[in-house]
Amino acid sequence: MNTKRILALFLAVVTCLSLAVSASAASISDFKDVDTKAWYAEAVTAAVNNGLL
């Protein structure tokens, strides 16, 4: 019984730590298929800055 509790606690801690890891920083220039002068470039930039892409 005690081993199960320790394992559950360990898995809970690992899960919490994995949620804290953020994606690496990206910029619009990282996307080769997005033209920086296109009408949608501002929206893509906003999505990247807000961590959506």
N, C-alpha and C. Protein backbone atom coordinates (compact mmCIF):
# COMPACT_ATOMS: atom_id res chain seq x y z
N MET A 1 0.83 -1.19 0.00
CA MET A 1 0.00 0.00 0.00
C MET A 1 0.88 1.26 0.00
N ASN A 2 1.92 1.25 0.78
CA ASN A 2 2.80 2.40 0.88
C ASN A 2 3.53 2.66 -0.44
N THR A 3 3.90 1.61 -1.14
CA THR A 3 4.59 1.73 -2.42
C THR A 3 3.68 2.39 -3.45
N LYS A 4 2.41 2.06 -3.42
CA LYS A 4 1.45 2.66 -4.36
C LYS A 4 1.31 4.16 -4.11
N ARG A 5 1.31 4.56 -2.86
CA ARG A 5 1.22 6.00 -2.54
C ARG A 5 2.44 6.76 -3.02
N ILE A 6 3.61 6.18 -2.81
CA ILE A 6 4.85 6.82 -3.25
C ILE A 6 4.87 6.94 -4.76
N LEU A 7 4.46 5.88 -5.45
CA LEU A 7 4.41 5.91 -6.90
C LEU A 7 3.41 6.94 -7.40
N ALA A 8 2.24 7.03 -6.77
CA ALA A 8 1.24 8.01 -7.15
C ALA A 8 1.74 9.43 -6.92
N LEU A 9 2.41 9.66 -5.82
CA LEU A 9 2.97 10.98 -5.54
C LEU A 9 4.05 11.34 -6.55
N PHE A 10 4.91 10.38 -6.86
CA PHE A 10 5.96 10.61 -7.85
C PHE A 10 5.36 10.95 -9.21
N LEU A 11 4.37 10.21 -9.63
CA LEU A 11 3.73 10.48 -10.92
C LEU A 11 3.02 11.82 -10.93
N ALA A 12 2.43 12.20 -9.82
CA ALA A 12 1.77 13.50 -9.74
C ALA A 12 2.79 14.63 -9.87
N VAL A 13 3.93 14.48 -9.22
CA VAL A 13 4.99 15.50 -9.30
C VAL A 13 5.54 15.59 -10.71
N VAL A 14 5.78 14.45 -11.33
CA VAL A 14 6.30 14.44 -12.70
C VAL A 14 5.29 15.09 -13.65
N THR A 15 4.02 14.81 -13.47
CA THR A 15 2.99 15.41 -14.31
C THR A 15 2.96 16.92 -14.15
N CYS A 16 3.04 17.39 -12.93
CA CYS A 16 3.05 18.84 -12.68
C CYS A 16 4.27 19.51 -13.29
N LEU A 17 5.41 18.86 -13.18
CA LEU A 17 6.62 19.43 -13.75
C LEU A 17 6.56 19.45 -15.27
N SER A 18 5.95 18.46 -15.88
CA SER A 18 5.87 18.44 -17.33
C SER A 18 4.94 19.52 -17.84
N LEU A 19 3.97 19.92 -17.06
CA LEU A 19 3.07 21.00 -17.46
C LEU A 19 3.76 22.36 -17.38
N ALA A 20 4.80 22.46 -16.58
CA ALA A 20 5.50 23.72 -16.40
C ALA A 20 6.47 24.02 -17.54
N VAL A 21 6.80 23.01 -18.32
CA VAL A 21 7.73 23.20 -19.43
C VAL A 21 7.00 23.90 -20.56
N SER A 22 7.53 25.01 -21.01
CA SER A 22 6.88 25.75 -22.07
C SER A 22 7.53 25.44 -23.41
N ALA A 23 6.82 25.77 -24.46
CA ALA A 23 7.35 25.57 -25.82
C ALA A 23 8.48 26.55 -26.07
N SER A 24 9.35 26.18 -26.96
CA SER A 24 10.45 27.07 -27.28
C SER A 24 9.93 28.30 -28.02
N ALA A 25 10.63 29.39 -27.85
CA ALA A 25 10.21 30.64 -28.46
C ALA A 25 10.32 30.55 -29.98
N ALA A 26 9.30 31.03 -30.64
CA ALA A 26 9.28 31.03 -32.10
C ALA A 26 8.98 32.45 -32.57
N SER A 27 9.27 32.69 -33.81
CA SER A 27 8.92 33.96 -34.42
C SER A 27 8.32 33.66 -35.78
N ILE A 28 7.74 34.66 -36.38
CA ILE A 28 7.08 34.46 -37.66
C ILE A 28 8.07 34.04 -38.74
N SER A 29 9.32 34.41 -38.58
CA SER A 29 10.33 34.02 -39.57
C SER A 29 10.64 32.53 -39.52
N ASP A 30 10.26 31.84 -38.44
CA ASP A 30 10.46 30.40 -38.34
C ASP A 30 9.50 29.62 -39.24
N PHE A 31 8.42 30.25 -39.66
CA PHE A 31 7.44 29.61 -40.52
C PHE A 31 7.75 29.96 -41.96
N LYS A 32 8.26 28.99 -42.70
CA LYS A 32 8.69 29.24 -44.09
C LYS A 32 7.52 29.47 -45.03
N ASP A 33 6.32 29.02 -44.66
CA ASP A 33 5.17 29.16 -45.55
C ASP A 33 4.36 30.43 -45.28
N VAL A 34 4.84 31.30 -44.38
CA VAL A 34 4.12 32.54 -44.07
C VAL A 34 4.90 33.72 -44.64
N ASP A 35 4.25 34.43 -45.54
CA ASP A 35 4.85 35.63 -46.12
C ASP A 35 4.68 36.78 -45.12
N THR A 36 5.77 37.43 -44.76
CA THR A 36 5.71 38.50 -43.76
C THR A 36 4.96 39.73 -44.25
N LYS A 37 4.72 39.81 -45.55
CA LYS A 37 3.98 40.94 -46.10
C LYS A 37 2.53 40.58 -46.44
N ALA A 38 2.12 39.36 -46.14
CA ALA A 38 0.77 38.91 -46.45
C ALA A 38 -0.24 39.56 -45.50
N TRP A 39 -1.49 39.54 -45.91
CA TRP A 39 -2.54 40.17 -45.11
C TRP A 39 -2.74 39.48 -43.77
N TYR A 40 -2.37 38.22 -43.65
CA TYR A 40 -2.57 37.45 -42.42
C TYR A 40 -1.33 37.43 -41.52
N ALA A 41 -0.26 38.08 -41.92
CA ALA A 41 0.99 38.02 -41.17
C ALA A 41 0.84 38.58 -39.75
N GLU A 42 0.07 39.63 -39.61
CA GLU A 42 -0.14 40.22 -38.28
C GLU A 42 -0.86 39.25 -37.36
N ALA A 43 -1.83 38.52 -37.89
CA ALA A 43 -2.56 37.54 -37.08
C ALA A 43 -1.65 36.39 -36.68
N VAL A 44 -0.80 35.94 -37.59
CA VAL A 44 0.14 34.87 -37.27
C VAL A 44 1.14 35.34 -36.21
N THR A 45 1.60 36.56 -36.34
CA THR A 45 2.52 37.13 -35.34
C THR A 45 1.86 37.18 -33.97
N ALA A 46 0.61 37.60 -33.92
CA ALA A 46 -0.11 37.65 -32.64
C ALA A 46 -0.28 36.25 -32.05
N ALA A 47 -0.56 35.28 -32.90
CA ALA A 47 -0.73 33.91 -32.41
C ALA A 47 0.58 33.35 -31.87
N VAL A 48 1.69 33.67 -32.54
CA VAL A 48 3.01 33.22 -32.07
C VAL A 48 3.35 33.91 -30.76
N ASN A 49 3.10 35.20 -30.67
CA ASN A 49 3.43 35.95 -29.45
C ASN A 49 2.61 35.49 -28.25
N ASN A 50 1.40 34.98 -28.51
CA ASN A 50 0.54 34.52 -27.42
C ASN A 50 0.70 33.02 -27.15
N GLY A 51 1.66 32.39 -27.82
CA GLY A 51 1.95 31.00 -27.54
C GLY A 51 0.98 30.01 -28.17
N LEU A 52 0.21 30.43 -29.14
CA LEU A 52 -0.73 29.53 -29.78
C LEU A 52 -0.06 28.68 -30.87
N LEU A 53 0.98 29.23 -31.47
CA LEU A 53 1.71 28.51 -32.52
C LEU A 53 3.14 28.33 -32.09
